[in-house]
PDB file of all heavy atoms in Angstrom:
ATOM      1  N   ALA A   1      17.178 -20.272  10.109  1.00  0.00           N
ATOM      2  CA  ALA A   1      18.565 -20.734  10.191  1.00  0.00           C
ATOM      3  C   ALA A   1      19.526 -19.561  10.281  1.00  0.00           C
ATOM      4  O   ALA A   1      20.584 -19.654  10.889  1.00  0.00           O
ATOM      5  CB  ALA A   1      18.898 -21.589   8.969  1.00  0.00           C
ATOM      6  N   ASP A   2      19.149 -18.414   9.673  1.00  0.00           N
ATOM      7  CA  ASP A   2      20.041 -17.259   9.627  1.00  0.00           C
ATOM      8  C   ASP A   2      19.237 -15.982   9.855  1.00  0.00           C
ATOM      9  O   ASP A   2      18.531 -15.510   8.973  1.00  0.00           O
ATOM     10  CB  ASP A   2      20.740 -17.207   8.268  1.00  0.00           C
ATOM     11  CG  ASP A   2      21.819 -16.139   8.195  1.00  0.00           C
ATOM     12  OD1 ASP A   2      21.835 -15.243   9.063  1.00  0.00           O
ATOM     13  OD2 ASP A   2      22.648 -16.198   7.267  1.00  0.00           O
ATOM     14  N   ARG A   3      19.371 -15.418  11.046  1.00  0.00           N
ATOM     15  CA  ARG A   3      18.582 -14.222  11.370  1.00  0.00           C
ATOM     16  C   ARG A   3      19.110 -12.973  10.666  1.00  0.00           C
ATOM     17  O   ARG A   3      18.362 -12.014  10.455  1.00  0.00           O
ATOM     18  CB  ARG A   3      18.536 -14.009  12.875  1.00  0.00           C
ATOM     19  CG  ARG A   3      19.815 -13.598  13.543  1.00  0.00           C
ATOM     20  CD  ARG A   3      19.602 -13.483  15.051  1.00  0.00           C
ATOM     21  NE  ARG A   3      20.716 -12.870  15.753  1.00  0.00           N
ATOM     22  CZ  ARG A   3      21.791 -13.512  16.164  1.00  0.00           C
ATOM     23  NH1 ARG A   3      21.899 -14.813  15.929  1.00  0.00           N
ATOM     24  NH2 ARG A   3      22.743 -12.873  16.824  1.00  0.00           N
ATOM     25  N   TYR A   4      20.390 -12.965  10.298  1.00  0.00           N
ATOM     26  CA  TYR A   4      20.936 -11.808   9.576  1.00  0.00           C
ATOM     27  C   TYR A   4      20.380 -11.764   8.159  1.00  0.00           C
ATOM     28  O   TYR A   4      19.987 -10.709   7.654  1.00  0.00           O
ATOM     29  CB  TYR A   4      22.463 -11.885   9.538  1.00  0.00           C
ATOM     30  CG  TYR A   4      23.085 -12.036  10.902  1.00  0.00           C
ATOM     31  CD1 TYR A   4      23.806 -13.189  11.241  1.00  0.00           C
ATOM     32  CD2 TYR A   4      22.951 -11.047  11.866  1.00  0.00           C
ATOM     33  CE1 TYR A   4      24.377 -13.333  12.503  1.00  0.00           C
ATOM     34  CE2 TYR A   4      23.519 -11.188  13.127  1.00  0.00           C
ATOM     35  CZ  TYR A   4      24.223 -12.342  13.436  1.00  0.00           C
ATOM     36  OH  TYR A   4      24.776 -12.491  14.685  1.00  0.00           O
ATOM     37  N   LYS A   5      20.355 -12.902   7.532  1.00  0.00           N
ATOM     38  CA  LYS A   5      19.777 -13.010   6.191  1.00  0.00           C
ATOM     39  C   LYS A   5      18.285 -12.702   6.247  1.00  0.00           C
ATOM     40  O   LYS A   5      17.741 -12.022   5.372  1.00  0.00           O
ATOM     41  CB  LYS A   5      20.012 -14.420   5.650  1.00  0.00           C
ATOM     42  CG  LYS A   5      19.542 -14.675   4.232  1.00  0.00           C
ATOM     43  CD  LYS A   5      19.977 -16.084   3.834  1.00  0.00           C
ATOM     44  CE  LYS A   5      19.482 -16.453   2.443  1.00  0.00           C
ATOM     45  NZ  LYS A   5      19.931 -17.806   2.063  1.00  0.00           N
ATOM     46  N   ALA A   6      17.621 -13.180   7.309  1.00  0.00           N
ATOM     47  CA  ALA A   6      16.190 -12.926   7.475  1.00  0.00           C
ATOM     48  C   ALA A   6      15.927 -11.435   7.600  1.00  0.00           C
ATOM     49  O   ALA A   6      14.994 -10.900   6.983  1.00  0.00           O
ATOM     50  CB  ALA A   6      15.663 -13.659   8.703  1.00  0.00           C
ATOM     51  N   GLU A   7      16.731 -10.747   8.395  1.00  0.00           N
ATOM     52  CA  GLU A   7      16.508  -9.313   8.577  1.00  0.00           C
ATOM     53  C   GLU A   7      16.670  -8.560   7.267  1.00  0.00           C
ATOM     54  O   GLU A   7      15.872  -7.680   6.938  1.00  0.00           O
ATOM     55  CB  GLU A   7      17.474  -8.752   9.621  1.00  0.00           C
ATOM     56  CG  GLU A   7      17.230  -7.286   9.913  1.00  0.00           C
ATOM     57  CD  GLU A   7      18.018  -6.758  11.089  1.00  0.00           C
ATOM     58  OE1 GLU A   7      18.850  -7.513  11.640  1.00  0.00           O
ATOM     59  OE2 GLU A   7      17.809  -5.589  11.455  1.00  0.00           O
ATOM     60  N   TYR A   8      17.701  -8.923   6.496  1.00  0.00           N
ATOM     61  CA  TYR A   8      17.894  -8.255   5.211  1.00  0.00           C
ATOM     62  C   TYR A   8      16.712  -8.515   4.281  1.00  0.00           C
ATOM     63  O   TYR A   8      16.135  -7.581   3.698  1.00  0.00           O
ATOM     64  CB  TYR A   8      19.193  -8.728   4.549  1.00  0.00           C
ATOM     65  CG  TYR A   8      19.376  -8.149   3.167  1.00  0.00           C
ATOM     66  CD1 TYR A   8      19.907  -6.879   2.995  1.00  0.00           C
ATOM     67  CD2 TYR A   8      18.973  -8.857   2.032  1.00  0.00           C
ATOM     68  CE1 TYR A   8      20.047  -6.327   1.733  1.00  0.00           C
ATOM     69  CE2 TYR A   8      19.117  -8.315   0.768  1.00  0.00           C
ATOM     70  CZ  TYR A   8      19.652  -7.050   0.621  1.00  0.00           C
ATOM     71  OH  TYR A   8      19.774  -6.502  -0.623  1.00  0.00           O
ATOM     72  N   GLU A   9      16.334  -9.774   4.122  1.00  0.00           N
ATOM     73  CA  GLU A   9      15.282 -10.124   3.168  1.00  0.00           C
ATOM     74  C   GLU A   9      13.914  -9.595   3.594  1.00  0.00           C
ATOM     75  O   GLU A   9      13.161  -9.068   2.767  1.00  0.00           O
ATOM     76  CB  GLU A   9      15.228 -11.644   2.990  1.00  0.00           C
ATOM     77  CG  GLU A   9      16.447 -12.209   2.291  1.00  0.00           C
ATOM     78  CD  GLU A   9      16.345 -13.702   2.028  1.00  0.00           C
ATOM     79  OE1 GLU A   9      15.689 -14.421   2.818  1.00  0.00           O
ATOM     80  OE2 GLU A   9      16.908 -14.153   1.015  1.00  0.00           O
ATOM     81  N   VAL A  10      13.597  -9.723   4.871  1.00  0.00           N
ATOM     82  CA  VAL A  10      12.281  -9.283   5.345  1.00  0.00           C
ATOM     83  C   VAL A  10      12.159  -7.765   5.286  1.00  0.00           C
ATOM     84  O   VAL A  10      11.152  -7.231   4.796  1.00  0.00           O
ATOM     85  CB  VAL A  10      12.024  -9.796   6.778  1.00  0.00           C
ATOM     86  CG1 VAL A  10      10.782  -9.129   7.371  1.00  0.00           C
ATOM     87  CG2 VAL A  10      11.842 -11.313   6.761  1.00  0.00           C
ATOM     88  N   ARG A  11      13.162  -7.058   5.775  1.00  0.00           N
ATOM     89  CA  ARG A  11      13.089  -5.596   5.738  1.00  0.00           C
ATOM     90  C   ARG A  11      13.053  -5.077   4.308  1.00  0.00           C
ATOM     91  O   ARG A  11      12.382  -4.085   4.006  1.00  0.00           O
ATOM     92  CB  ARG A  11      14.266  -5.005   6.500  1.00  0.00           C
ATOM     93  CG  ARG A  11      14.145  -5.165   8.009  1.00  0.00           C
ATOM     94  CD  ARG A  11      15.281  -4.502   8.755  1.00  0.00           C
ATOM     95  NE  ARG A  11      15.265  -3.064   8.600  1.00  0.00           N
ATOM     96  CZ  ARG A  11      16.118  -2.237   9.207  1.00  0.00           C
ATOM     97  NH1 ARG A  11      17.040  -2.736  10.016  1.00  0.00           N
ATOM     98  NH2 ARG A  11      16.061  -0.943   9.011  1.00  0.00           N
ATOM     99  N   LYS A  12      13.747  -5.760   3.409  1.00  0.00           N
ATOM    100  CA  LYS A  12      13.723  -5.360   1.992  1.00  0.00           C
ATOM    101  C   LYS A  12      12.337  -5.577   1.388  1.00  0.00           C
ATOM    102  O   LYS A  12      11.810  -4.730   0.661  1.00  0.00           O
ATOM    103  CB  LYS A  12      14.771  -6.151   1.209  1.00  0.00           C
ATOM    104  CG  LYS A  12      15.048  -5.637  -0.201  1.00  0.00           C
ATOM    105  CD  LYS A  12      16.192  -6.422  -0.808  1.00  0.00           C
ATOM    106  CE  LYS A  12      16.748  -5.812  -2.056  1.00  0.00           C
ATOM    107  NZ  LYS A  12      15.829  -5.473  -3.097  1.00  0.00           N
ATOM    108  N   SER A  13      11.713  -6.728   1.731  1.00  0.00           N
ATOM    109  CA  SER A  13      10.396  -7.043   1.175  1.00  0.00           C
ATOM    110  C   SER A  13       9.301  -6.137   1.737  1.00  0.00           C
ATOM    111  O   SER A  13       8.276  -5.922   1.083  1.00  0.00           O
ATOM    112  CB  SER A  13      10.043  -8.504   1.441  1.00  0.00           C
ATOM    113  OG  SER A  13       9.808  -8.724   2.809  1.00  0.00           O
ATOM    114  N   LEU A  14       9.537  -5.585   2.937  1.00  0.00           N
ATOM    115  CA  LEU A  14       8.514  -4.769   3.586  1.00  0.00           C
ATOM    116  C   LEU A  14       8.769  -3.265   3.497  1.00  0.00           C
ATOM    117  O   LEU A  14       8.056  -2.475   4.118  1.00  0.00           O
ATOM    118  CB  LEU A  14       8.392  -5.158   5.065  1.00  0.00           C
ATOM    119  CG  LEU A  14       7.922  -6.568   5.388  1.00  0.00           C
ATOM    120  CD1 LEU A  14       7.890  -6.772   6.899  1.00  0.00           C
ATOM    121  CD2 LEU A  14       6.544  -6.846   4.788  1.00  0.00           C
ATOM    122  N   LYS A  15       9.760  -2.862   2.723  1.00  0.00           N
ATOM    123  CA  LYS A  15      10.152  -1.453   2.726  1.00  0.00           C
ATOM    124  C   LYS A  15       9.010  -0.518   2.326  1.00  0.00           C
ATOM    125  O   LYS A  15       8.917   0.612   2.813  1.00  0.00           O
ATOM    126  CB  LYS A  15      11.360  -1.225   1.828  1.00  0.00           C
ATOM    127  CG  LYS A  15      11.167  -1.472   0.347  1.00  0.00           C
ATOM    128  CD  LYS A  15      12.470  -1.228  -0.401  1.00  0.00           C
ATOM    129  CE  LYS A  15      12.302  -1.375  -1.906  1.00  0.00           C
ATOM    130  NZ  LYS A  15      11.962  -2.765  -2.275  1.00  0.00           N
ATOM    131  N   LYS A  16       8.094  -0.993   1.466  1.00  0.00           N
ATOM    132  CA  LYS A  16       6.963  -0.150   1.046  1.00  0.00           C
ATOM    133  C   LYS A  16       5.858  -0.107   2.101  1.00  0.00           C
ATOM    134  O   LYS A  16       4.921   0.675   1.975  1.00  0.00           O
ATOM    135  CB  LYS A  16       6.400  -0.656  -0.279  1.00  0.00           C
ATOM    136  CG  LYS A  16       7.363  -0.476  -1.455  1.00  0.00           C
ATOM    137  CD  LYS A  16       6.744  -0.935  -2.752  1.00  0.00           C
ATOM    138  CE  LYS A  16       7.709  -0.737  -3.916  1.00  0.00           C
ATOM    139  NZ  LYS A  16       7.126  -1.194  -5.214  1.00  0.00           N
ATOM    140  N   LYS A  17       5.992  -0.955   3.116  1.00  0.00           N
ATOM    141  CA  LYS A  17       4.981  -0.999   4.173  1.00  0.00           C
ATOM    142  C   LYS A  17       5.436  -0.264   5.437  1.00  0.00           C
ATOM    143  O   LYS A  17       4.732  -0.282   6.449  1.00  0.00           O
ATOM    144  CB  LYS A  17       4.677  -2.457   4.538  1.00  0.00           C
ATOM    145  CG  LYS A  17       4.071  -3.267   3.387  1.00  0.00           C
ATOM    146  CD  LYS A  17       2.686  -2.761   3.047  1.00  0.00           C
ATOM    147  CE  LYS A  17       2.050  -3.594   1.940  1.00  0.00           C
ATOM    148  NZ  LYS A  17       0.669  -3.142   1.631  1.00  0.00           N
ATOM    149  N   THR A  18       6.597   0.374   5.356  1.00  0.00           N
ATOM    150  CA  THR A  18       7.129   1.069   6.524  1.00  0.00           C
ATOM    151  C   THR A  18       6.265   2.261   6.904  1.00  0.00           C
ATOM    152  O   THR A  18       5.836   3.034   6.039  1.00  0.00           O
ATOM    153  CB  THR A  18       8.562   1.571   6.241  1.00  0.00           C
ATOM    154  OG1 THR A  18       9.370   0.480   5.834  1.00  0.00           O
ATOM    155  CG2 THR A  18       9.161   2.222   7.474  1.00  0.00           C
ATOM    156  N   VAL A  19       6.007   2.418   8.204  1.00  0.00           N
ATOM    157  CA  VAL A  19       5.287   3.597   8.697  1.00  0.00           C
ATOM    158  C   VAL A  19       6.282   4.755   8.711  1.00  0.00           C
ATOM    159  O   VAL A  19       7.348   4.642   9.335  1.00  0.00           O
ATOM    160  CB  VAL A  19       4.738   3.352  10.115  1.00  0.00           C
ATOM    161  CG1 VAL A  19       4.080   4.622  10.656  1.00  0.00           C
ATOM    162  CG2 VAL A  19       3.744   2.200  10.105  1.00  0.00           C
ATOM    163  N   PRO A  20       5.995   5.864   8.018  1.00  0.00           N
ATOM    164  CA  PRO A  20       6.929   6.988   7.948  1.00  0.00           C
ATOM    165  C   PRO A  20       7.391   7.448   9.334  1.00  0.00           C
ATOM    166  O   PRO A  20       6.583   7.644  10.235  1.00  0.00           O
ATOM    167  CB  PRO A  20       6.113   8.088   7.247  1.00  0.00           C
ATOM    168  CG  PRO A  20       5.121   7.325   6.424  1.00  0.00           C
ATOM    169  CD  PRO A  20       4.762   6.124   7.246  1.00  0.00           C
ATOM    170  N   GLY A  21       8.698   7.576   9.470  1.00  0.00           N
ATOM    171  CA  GLY A  21       9.258   8.056  10.726  1.00  0.00           C
ATOM    172  C   GLY A  21       9.334   7.018  11.822  1.00  0.00           C
ATOM    173  O   GLY A  21       9.743   7.321  12.944  1.00  0.00           O
ATOM    174  N   LYS A  22       8.962   5.771  11.527  1.00  0.00           N
ATOM    175  CA  LYS A  22       8.953   4.715  12.528  1.00  0.00           C
ATOM    176  C   LYS A  22       9.859   3.570  12.064  1.00  0.00           C
ATOM    177  O   LYS A  22       9.535   2.874  11.099  1.00  0.00           O
ATOM    178  CB  LYS A  22       7.536   4.176  12.755  1.00  0.00           C
ATOM    179  CG  LYS A  22       6.530   5.221  13.222  1.00  0.00           C
ATOM    180  CD  LYS A  22       6.771   5.622  14.674  1.00  0.00           C
ATOM    181  CE  LYS A  22       5.682   6.565  15.161  1.00  0.00           C
ATOM    182  NZ  LYS A  22       5.887   6.941  16.576  1.00  0.00           N
ATOM    183  N   ILE A  23      10.975   3.383  12.736  1.00  0.00           N
ATOM    184  CA  ILE A  23      11.911   2.328  12.370  1.00  0.00           C
ATOM    185  C   ILE A  23      11.385   0.978  12.855  1.00  0.00           C
ATOM    186  O   ILE A  23      11.089   0.802  14.035  1.00  0.00           O
ATOM    187  CB  ILE A  23      13.294   2.573  12.976  1.00  0.00           C
ATOM    188  CG1 ILE A  23      13.834   3.943  12.556  1.00  0.00           C
ATOM    189  CG2 ILE A  23      14.257   1.468  12.561  1.00  0.00           C
ATOM    190  CD1 ILE A  23      13.986   4.116  11.065  1.00  0.00           C
ATOM    191  N   GLY A  24      11.262   0.022  11.929  1.00  0.00           N
ATOM    192  CA  GLY A  24      10.823  -1.321  12.288  1.00  0.00           C
ATOM    193  C   GLY A  24       9.325  -1.461  12.506  1.00  0.00           C
ATOM    194  O   GLY A  24       8.863  -2.503  12.949  1.00  0.00           O
ATOM    195  N   ILE A  25       8.571  -0.428  12.190  1.00  0.00           N
ATOM    196  CA  ILE A  25       7.109  -0.459  12.343  1.00  0.00           C
ATOM    197  C   ILE A  25       6.483  -0.458  10.949  1.00  0.00           C
ATOM    198  O   ILE A  25       6.846   0.354  10.095  1.00  0.00           O
ATOM    199  CB  ILE A  25       6.597   0.743  13.152  1.00  0.00           C
ATOM    200  CG1 ILE A  25       7.338   0.845  14.486  1.00  0.00           C
ATOM    201  CG2 ILE A  25       5.090   0.636  13.377  1.00  0.00           C
ATOM    202  CD1 ILE A  25       7.148  -0.338  15.393  1.00  0.00           C
ATOM    203  N   TYR A  26       5.507  -1.370  10.730  1.00  0.00           N
ATOM    204  CA  TYR A  26       4.950  -1.559   9.395  1.00  0.00           C
ATOM    205  C   TYR A  26       3.422  -1.605   9.413  1.00  0.00           C
ATOM    206  O   TYR A  26       2.809  -1.970  10.411  1.00  0.00           O
ATOM    207  CB  TYR A  26       5.478  -2.868   8.788  1.00  0.00           C
ATOM    208  CG  TYR A  26       6.984  -2.948   8.739  1.00  0.00           C
ATOM    209  CD1 TYR A  26       7.703  -3.505   9.807  1.00  0.00           C
ATOM    210  CD2 TYR A  26       7.698  -2.482   7.634  1.00  0.00           C
ATOM    211  CE1 TYR A  26       9.088  -3.582   9.770  1.00  0.00           C
ATOM    212  CE2 TYR A  26       9.080  -2.572   7.591  1.00  0.00           C
ATOM    213  CZ  TYR A  26       9.774  -3.114   8.662  1.00  0.00           C
ATOM    214  OH  TYR A  26      11.127  -3.180   8.615  1.00  0.00           O
ATOM    215  N   LYS A  27       2.867  -1.254   8.258  1.00  0.00           N
ATOM    216  CA  LYS A  27       1.440  -1.444   8.009  1.00  0.00           C
ATOM    217  C   LYS A  27       1.296  -2.794   7.302  1.00  0.00           C
ATOM    218  O   LYS A  27       1.583  -2.913   6.117  1.00  0.00           O
ATOM    219  CB  LYS A  27       0.891  -0.336   7.106  1.00  0.00           C
ATOM    220  CG  LYS A  27       1.039   1.074   7.659  1.00  0.00           C
ATOM    221  CD  LYS A  27       0.555   2.097   6.623  1.00  0.00           C
ATOM    222  CE  LYS A  27       0.771   3.519   7.110  1.00  0.00           C
ATOM    223  NZ  LYS A  27       0.363   4.529   6.075  1.00  0.00           N
ATOM    224  N   LEU A  28       0.891  -3.801   8.036  1.00  0.00           N
ATOM    225  CA  LEU A  28       0.814  -5.133   7.469  1.00  0.00           C
ATOM    226  C   LEU A  28      -0.625  -5.618   7.380  1.00  0.00           C
ATOM    227  O   LEU A  28      -1.422  -5.422   8.298  1.00  0.00           O
ATOM    228  CB  LEU A  28       1.615  -6.125   8.327  1.00  0.00           C
ATOM    229  CG  LEU A  28       3.102  -5.804   8.546  1.00  0.00           C
ATOM    230  CD1 LEU A  28       3.740  -6.873   9.421  1.00  0.00           C
ATOM    231  CD2 LEU A  28       3.832  -5.688   7.217  1.00  0.00           C
ATOM    232  N   GLY A  29      -0.929  -6.270   6.259  1.00  0.00           N
ATOM    233  CA  GLY A  29      -2.238  -6.882   6.082  1.00  0.00           C
ATOM    234  C   GLY A  29      -2.137  -8.387   6.205  1.00  0.00           C
ATOM    235  O   GLY A  29      -1.044  -8.931   6.427  1.00  0.00           O
ATOM    236  N   PRO A  30      -3.236  -9.095   6.066  1.00  0.00           N
ATOM    237  CA  PRO A  30      -3.243 -10.559   6.171  1.00  0.00           C
ATOM    238  C   PRO A  30      -2.239 -11.227   5.229  1.00  0.00           C
ATOM    239  O   PRO A  30      -1.619 -12.234   5.595  1.00  0.00           O
ATOM    240  CB  PRO A  30      -4.677 -10.925   5.815  1.00  0.00           C
ATOM    241  CG  PRO A  30      -5.476  -9.707   6.187  1.00  0.00           C
ATOM    242  CD  PRO A  30      -4.589  -8.553   5.854  1.00  0.00           C
ATOM    243  N   LYS A  31      -2.072 -10.659   4.024  1.00  0.00           N
ATOM    244  CA  LYS A  31      -1.160 -11.261   3.040  1.00  0.00           C
ATOM    245  C   LYS A  31       0.285 -11.227   3.553  1.00  0.00           C
ATOM    246  O   LYS A  31       0.996 -12.242   3.505  1.00  0.00           O
ATOM    247  CB  LYS A  31      -1.255 -10.523   1.708  1.00  0.00           C
ATOM    248  CG  LYS A  31      -0.303 -11.072   0.652  1.00  0.00           C
ATOM    249  CD  LYS A  31      -0.402 -10.270  -0.644  1.00  0.00           C
ATOM    250  CE  LYS A  31       0.604 -10.794  -1.667  1.00  0.00           C
ATOM    251  NZ  LYS A  31       0.555 -10.007  -2.927  1.00  0.00           N
ATOM    252  N   GLN A  32       0.721 -10.057   4.056  1.00  0.00           N
ATOM    253  CA  GLN A  32       2.093  -9.931   4.543  1.00  0.00           C
ATOM    254  C   GLN A  32       2.323 -10.802   5.790  1.00  0.00           C
ATOM    255  O   GLN A  32       3.388 -11.417   5.944  1.00  0.00           O
ATOM    256  CB  GLN A  32       2.426  -8.474   4.874  1.00  0.00           C
ATOM    257  CG  GLN A  32       2.581  -7.564   3.677  1.00  0.00           C
ATOM    258  CD  GLN A  32       1.249  -7.146   3.092  1.00  0.00           C
ATOM    259  OE1 GLN A  32       0.285  -6.904   3.835  1.00  0.00           O
ATOM    260  NE2 GLN A  32       1.175  -7.063   1.767  1.00  0.00           N
ATOM    261  N   LEU A  33       1.330 -10.865   6.655  1.00  0.00           N
ATOM    262  CA  LEU A  33       1.460 -11.684   7.866  1.00  0.00           C
ATOM    263  C   LEU A  33       1.590 -13.165   7.518  1.00  0.00           C
ATOM    264  O   LEU A  33       2.384 -13.891   8.127  1.00  0.00           O
ATOM    265  CB  LEU A  33       0.261 -11.462   8.785  1.00  0.00           C
ATOM    266  CG  LEU A  33       0.203 -10.092   9.483  1.00  0.00           C
ATOM    267  CD1 LEU A  33      -1.121  -9.920  10.211  1.00  0.00           C
ATOM    268  CD2 LEU A  33       1.368  -9.930  10.456  1.00  0.00           C
ATOM    269  N   GLU A  34       0.838 -13.602   6.523  1.00  0.00           N
ATOM    270  CA  GLU A  34       0.913 -14.996   6.113  1.00  0.00           C
ATOM    271  C   GLU A  34       2.259 -15.306   5.463  1.00  0.00           C
ATOM    272  O   GLU A  34       2.833 -16.382   5.673  1.00  0.00           O
ATOM    273  CB  GLU A  34      -0.224 -15.318   5.143  1.00  0.00           C
ATOM    274  CG  GLU A  34      -0.320 -16.781   4.726  1.00  0.00           C
ATOM    275  CD  GLU A  34      -0.538 -17.731   5.905  1.00  0.00           C
ATOM    276  OE1 GLU A  34      -1.034 -17.274   6.963  1.00  0.00           O
ATOM    277  OE2 GLU A  34      -0.214 -18.921   5.772  1.00  0.00           O
ATOM    278  N   GLU A  35       2.772 -14.351   4.682  1.00  0.00           N
ATOM    279  CA  GLU A  35       4.088 -14.538   4.064  1.00  0.00           C
ATOM    280  C   GLU A  35       5.186 -14.637   5.127  1.00  0.00           C
ATOM    281  O   GLU A  35       6.102 -15.449   5.012  1.00  0.00           O
ATOM    282  CB  GLU A  35       4.378 -13.376   3.106  1.00  0.00           C
ATOM    283  CG  GLU A  35       3.555 -13.419   1.827  1.00  0.00           C
ATOM    284  CD  GLU A  35       3.780 -12.197   0.951  1.00  0.00           C
ATOM    285  OE1 GLU A  35       4.393 -11.221   1.449  1.00  0.00           O
ATOM    286  OE2 GLU A  35       3.337 -12.206  -0.207  1.00  0.00           O
ATOM    287  N   LEU A  36       5.056 -13.820   6.173  1.00  0.00           N
ATOM    288  CA  LEU A  36       6.025 -13.876   7.257  1.00  0.00           C
ATOM    289  C   LEU A  36       5.908 -15.196   8.032  1.00  0.00           C
ATOM    290  O   LEU A  36       6.906 -15.765   8.453  1.00  0.00           O
ATOM    291  CB  LEU A  36       5.827 -12.695   8.215  1.00  0.00           C
ATOM    292  CG  LEU A  36       6.299 -11.337   7.694  1.00  0.00           C
ATOM    293  CD1 LEU A  36       5.859 -10.222   8.634  1.00  0.00           C
ATOM    294  CD2 LEU A  36       7.810 -11.323   7.538  1.00  0.00           C
ATOM    295  N   ARG A  37       4.687 -15.671   8.192  1.00  0.00           N
ATOM    296  CA  ARG A  37       4.468 -16.925   8.906  1.00  0.00           C
ATOM    297  C   ARG A  37       5.120 -18.097   8.162  1.00  0.00           C
ATOM    298  O   ARG A  37       5.579 -19.061   8.779  1.00  0.00           O
ATOM    299  CB  ARG A  37       2.969 -17.172   9.065  1.00  0.00           C
ATOM    300  CG  ARG A  37       2.618 -18.249  10.096  1.00  0.00           C
ATOM    301  CD  ARG A  37       1.114 -18.440  10.177  1.00  0.00           C
ATOM    302  NE  ARG A  37       0.439 -17.209  10.466  1.00  0.00           N
ATOM    303  CZ  ARG A  37       0.267 -16.709  11.691  1.00  0.00           C
ATOM    304  NH1 ARG A  37       0.750 -17.367  12.733  1.00  0.00           N
ATOM    305  NH2 ARG A  37      -0.365 -15.573  11.886  1.00  0.00           N
ATOM    306  N   LYS A  38       5.169 -18.015   6.840  1.00  0.00           N
ATOM    307  CA  LYS A  38       5.726 -19.098   6.024  1.00  0.00           C
ATOM    308  C   LYS A  38       7.202 -18.888   5.699  1.00  0.00           C
ATOM    309  O   LYS A  38       7.834 -19.735   5.051  1.00  0.00           O
ATOM    310  CB  LYS A  38       4.939 -19.214   4.707  1.00  0.00           C
ATOM    311  CG  LYS A  38       3.494 -19.652   4.889  1.00  0.00           C
ATOM    312  CD  LYS A  38       2.789 -19.728   3.541  1.00  0.00           C
ATOM    313  CE  LYS A  38       1.349 -20.206   3.688  1.00  0.00           C
ATOM    314  NZ  LYS A  38       0.657 -20.269   2.373  1.00  0.00           N
ATOM    315  N   TYR A  39       7.760 -17.770   6.141  1.00  0.00           N
ATOM    316  CA  TYR A  39       9.146 -17.450   5.782  1.00  0.00           C
ATOM    317  C   TYR A  39      10.129 -18.463   6.384  1.00  0.00           C
ATOM    318  O   TYR A  39       9.997 -18.883   7.531  1.00  0.00           O
ATOM    319  CB  TYR A  39       9.522 -16.047   6.270  1.00  0.00           C
ATOM    320  CG  TYR A  39      10.979 -15.702   6.001  1.00  0.00           C
ATOM    321  CD1 TYR A  39      11.382 -15.237   4.755  1.00  0.00           C
ATOM    322  CD2 TYR A  39      11.948 -15.896   6.985  1.00  0.00           C
ATOM    323  CE1 TYR A  39      12.712 -14.958   4.493  1.00  0.00           C
ATOM    324  CE2 TYR A  39      13.287 -15.618   6.732  1.00  0.00           C
ATOM    325  CZ  TYR A  39      13.657 -15.148   5.486  1.00  0.00           C
ATOM    326  OH  TYR A  39      14.978 -14.882   5.229  1.00  0.00           O
TER     327      TYR A  39
END
């Protein structure tokens, strides 16, 4: 419903999965992918 809210919440939840030096690129496992699928 709100992509701005989604960007804030998702990027905040994934901040520890960020690939160093890569903006918007993450190391994601099955757990994170499933959480995103249900978001």
